[in-house]
Amino acid sequence: MLDERTVDPDPLRQFVAWFDEARAAGVVFPETMTLATAGADGSPSARMVLLKGTDDRGFVFFTNTGSRKGGELDENPCAALVLYWRELGRQVRVEGRVEPVEAHESEEYFSTRPRASRLSAWASPQSEPVESRADLERRFAQAAARFPGAEVPLPPHWGGYRVVPETIELWEHRENRLHDRVLYTRVNTGWRRERLAP
């Protein structure tokens, strides 16, 4: 049972515990999350991305910084995340400000990606119109010819972002729609915990 009195006082530690439980339970791609952003005009957009790191600073994902989400984060560096693990009846919601990760973090993660994924990062003008699938394939072939060996460097338009949470909400399914919800809100140097009505 999810209880605001007994959850970890640190929501990031509590998140890691839940994430580890999701992985142990065999949840397929437990790192899949919705990322919601908004531009300067406030119009929202959302898409699925992969969580690539969690520490005491926040939640990290990587992308083409010239994409729509990258542009919106430049205009309005705030975001919301949602992770949902149906098999466990759990959901985590995160809201906070967004900052770029250090360059070495992007370099380190990029080097772990399969070669084809690294070439795609060079080939794809993410979120921009393209002529056709054939045009994308041509761009990929050009990138492969440009970087024929195992080394494919980090593109200048690709990197990571960290969502630094201001609030984290844990949700757990209960019968009769009397679900459990615990909200953590950042206060000074710590966190306030409170139960929310379902």
Protein backbone atom coordinates (compact mmCIF):
# COMPACT_ATOMS: atom_id res chain seq x y z
CA MET A 1 0.00 0.00 0.00
CA LEU A 2 1.23 3.47 -0.88
CA ASP A 3 1.29 5.53 2.32
CA GLU A 4 2.56 9.08 2.62
CA ARG A 5 3.81 8.30 6.13
CA THR A 6 6.04 5.40 5.13
CA VAL A 7 7.35 6.21 1.64
CA ASP A 8 10.96 7.33 1.40
CA PRO A 9 11.27 11.01 2.38
CA ASP A 10 13.31 11.51 -0.80
CA PRO A 11 11.09 11.01 -3.89
CA LEU A 12 14.06 10.31 -6.15
CA ARG A 13 15.12 7.39 -3.95
CA GLN A 14 11.50 6.21 -3.87
CA PHE A 15 11.34 6.47 -7.66
CA VAL A 16 14.49 4.36 -8.07
CA ALA A 17 13.01 1.71 -5.77
CA TRP A 18 9.80 1.62 -7.84
CA PHE A 19 11.77 1.58 -11.10
CA ASP A 20 13.83 -1.38 -9.88
CA GLU A 21 10.63 -3.19 -8.89
CA ALA A 22 9.17 -2.55 -12.36
CA ARG A 23 12.26 -3.98 -14.00
CA ALA A 24 12.27 -7.01 -11.66
CA ALA A 25 8.59 -7.60 -12.43
CA GLY A 26 9.39 -7.90 -16.13
CA VAL A 27 7.80 -4.64 -17.27
CA VAL A 28 8.81 -4.21 -20.90
CA PHE A 29 10.77 -0.98 -21.35
CA PRO A 30 10.08 0.45 -17.88
CA GLU A 31 12.09 3.51 -18.95
CA THR A 32 9.44 4.59 -21.49
CA MET A 33 7.92 7.91 -20.49
CA THR A 34 5.78 10.68 -21.86
CA LEU A 35 7.56 14.02 -22.12
CA ALA A 36 5.31 17.09 -22.32
CA THR A 37 6.71 20.49 -23.29
CA ALA A 38 5.26 23.83 -24.35
CA GLY A 39 6.57 26.65 -26.48
CA ALA A 40 6.56 30.34 -25.66
CA ASP A 41 2.88 30.56 -26.63
CA GLY A 42 1.96 27.90 -24.07
CA SER A 43 0.68 25.35 -26.61
CA PRO A 44 1.53 21.89 -25.25
CA SER A 45 2.98 18.92 -27.10
CA ALA A 46 3.83 15.43 -25.87
CA ARG A 47 5.73 12.40 -27.08
CA MET A 48 7.34 9.22 -25.80
CA VAL A 49 11.05 9.26 -24.91
CA LEU A 50 13.34 7.00 -22.89
CA LEU A 51 14.56 7.77 -19.40
CA LYS A 52 18.33 7.31 -19.52
CA GLY A 53 19.35 8.27 -16.02
CA THR A 54 18.07 9.19 -12.59
CA ASP A 55 20.10 10.63 -9.74
CA ASP A 56 19.64 13.11 -6.92
CA ARG A 57 19.54 15.94 -9.49
CA GLY A 58 16.67 14.60 -11.61
CA PHE A 59 15.64 12.64 -14.70
CA VAL A 60 17.75 12.55 -17.90
CA PHE A 61 16.78 11.96 -21.53
CA PHE A 62 18.60 12.58 -24.81
CA THR A 63 17.42 13.94 -28.15
CA ASN A 64 18.11 16.06 -31.18
CA THR A 65 18.28 19.55 -29.68
CA GLY A 66 17.01 21.04 -32.94
CA SER A 67 13.79 19.01 -32.74
CA ARG A 68 10.43 20.48 -31.81
CA LYS A 69 10.91 19.50 -28.17
CA GLY A 70 14.39 21.02 -28.18
CA GLY A 71 13.02 24.27 -29.57
CA GLU A 72 10.22 24.35 -27.03
CA LEU A 73 12.66 23.71 -24.19
CA ASP A 74 14.77 26.63 -25.43
CA GLU A 75 11.70 28.88 -25.29
CA ASN A 76 10.22 27.48 -22.10
CA PRO A 77 12.62 25.31 -20.04
CA CYS A 78 9.92 23.45 -18.13
CA ALA A 79 8.53 19.95 -18.70
CA ALA A 80 6.33 17.21 -17.34
CA LEU A 81 7.03 13.47 -17.39
CA VAL A 82 4.73 10.48 -16.92
CA LEU A 83 5.83 6.86 -16.45
CA TYR A 84 3.12 4.19 -16.27
CA TRP A 85 3.72 0.56 -15.31
CA ARG A 86 0.41 -1.20 -15.96
CA GLU A 87 1.65 -4.54 -14.65
CA LEU A 88 2.23 -2.99 -11.21
CA GLY A 89 -0.71 -0.57 -11.29
CA ARG A 90 1.66 2.35 -10.77
CA GLN A 91 2.23 5.75 -12.30
CA VAL A 92 4.78 8.48 -11.62
CA ARG A 93 4.26 12.11 -12.62
CA VAL A 94 7.11 14.65 -12.58
CA GLU A 95 7.04 18.41 -13.19
CA GLY A 96 10.01 20.72 -13.12
CA ARG A 97 12.50 22.93 -14.85
CA VAL A 98 14.81 21.56 -17.53
CA GLU A 99 18.54 22.10 -17.98
CA PRO A 100 21.05 20.71 -20.49
CA VAL A 101 23.32 17.99 -19.14
CA GLU A 102 27.09 18.46 -19.20
CA ALA A 103 28.70 17.79 -22.59
CA HIS A 104 30.66 14.82 -21.24
CA GLU A 105 27.38 13.14 -20.18
CA SER A 106 26.05 13.41 -23.73
CA GLU A 107 29.36 12.13 -25.13
CA GLU A 108 29.40 9.16 -22.74
CA TYR A 109 25.83 8.11 -23.49
CA PHE A 110 26.11 8.68 -27.26
CA SER A 111 29.14 6.38 -27.42
CA THR A 112 27.03 3.51 -25.99
CA ARG A 113 24.40 3.66 -28.73
CA PRO A 114 24.49 1.20 -31.63
CA ARG A 115 26.41 2.52 -34.64
CA ALA A 116 23.24 2.72 -36.76
CA SER A 117 21.51 4.83 -34.10
CA ARG A 118 24.48 7.19 -33.99
CA LEU A 119 24.40 7.51 -37.79
CA SER A 120 20.66 8.21 -37.66
CA ALA A 121 21.33 11.09 -35.28
CA TRP A 122 23.47 12.65 -38.03
CA ALA A 123 21.06 11.75 -40.84
CA SER A 124 17.72 12.85 -39.44
CA PRO A 125 16.69 16.52 -39.37
CA GLN A 126 14.26 15.63 -36.59
CA SER A 127 10.83 17.29 -36.71
CA GLU A 128 11.52 18.90 -40.10
CA PRO A 129 9.64 17.91 -43.29
CA VAL A 130 11.54 15.54 -45.61
CA GLU A 131 10.86 14.67 -49.23
CA SER A 132 10.40 10.94 -48.74
CA ARG A 133 11.62 7.80 -47.03
CA ALA A 134 14.16 7.52 -49.84
CA ASP A 135 15.52 10.93 -48.85
CA LEU A 136 16.04 9.70 -45.29
CA GLU A 137 17.79 6.56 -46.55
CA ARG A 138 20.05 8.72 -48.73
CA ARG A 139 20.95 10.90 -45.75
CA PHE A 140 21.76 7.78 -43.72
CA ALA A 141 23.99 6.43 -46.50
CA GLN A 142 25.80 9.78 -46.64
CA ALA A 143 26.39 9.69 -42.88
CA ALA A 144 27.68 6.11 -43.12
CA ALA A 145 30.11 7.15 -45.87
CA ARG A 146 31.23 10.17 -43.85
CA PHE A 147 31.96 8.01 -40.79
CA PRO A 148 33.06 4.62 -42.21
CA GLY A 149 34.66 3.25 -39.04
CA ALA A 150 33.26 2.34 -35.64
CA GLU A 151 33.73 5.91 -34.42
CA VAL A 152 30.72 8.14 -34.99
CA PRO A 153 31.14 11.44 -33.12
CA LEU A 154 28.46 13.25 -31.19
CA PRO A 155 26.58 15.61 -33.54
CA PRO A 156 26.55 19.27 -32.48
CA HIS A 157 22.73 19.18 -32.52
CA TRP A 158 22.32 16.22 -30.17
CA GLY A 159 22.47 16.05 -26.38
CA GLY A 160 20.81 15.45 -23.07
CA TYR A 161 18.40 17.28 -20.82
CA ARG A 162 17.74 16.89 -17.13
CA VAL A 163 14.29 17.50 -15.66
CA VAL A 164 14.96 18.92 -12.20
CA PRO A 165 11.75 18.10 -10.33
CA GLU A 166 9.68 20.59 -8.39
CA THR A 167 6.93 18.01 -7.82
CA ILE A 168 6.80 14.22 -8.05
CA GLU A 169 3.54 12.34 -7.68
CA LEU A 170 3.27 8.61 -7.04
CA TRP A 171 0.00 6.88 -7.96
CA GLU A 172 -0.98 3.32 -7.18
CA HIS A 173 -4.11 1.49 -8.30
CA ARG A 174 -6.67 0.48 -5.65
CA GLU A 175 -10.11 -1.05 -5.98
CA ASN A 176 -13.26 1.05 -6.39
CA ARG A 177 -11.18 3.85 -7.89
CA LEU A 178 -9.96 4.83 -4.41
CA HIS A 179 -6.42 4.98 -5.73
CA ASP A 180 -3.48 6.07 -3.59
CA ARG A 181 -1.73 9.30 -4.56
CA VAL A 182 1.25 10.81 -2.76
CA LEU A 183 2.58 14.20 -3.84
CA TYR A 184 6.10 15.38 -3.06
CA THR A 185 6.70 19.13 -3.39
CA ARG A 186 10.16 20.67 -3.16
CA VAL A 187 10.44 23.05 -0.20
CA ASN A 188 13.71 24.82 0.64
CA THR A 189 16.28 22.00 0.75
CA GLY A 190 13.83 19.13 1.28
CA TRP A 191 10.46 17.71 0.28
CA ARG A 192 6.93 17.94 1.67
CA ARG A 193 4.76 14.81 1.36
CA GLU A 194 0.97 14.81 1.28
CA ARG A 195 -1.82 12.48 0.24
CA LEU A 196 -4.09 13.56 -2.60
CA ALA A 197 -7.66 12.43 -3.20
CA PRO A 198 -7.92 10.06 -6.19
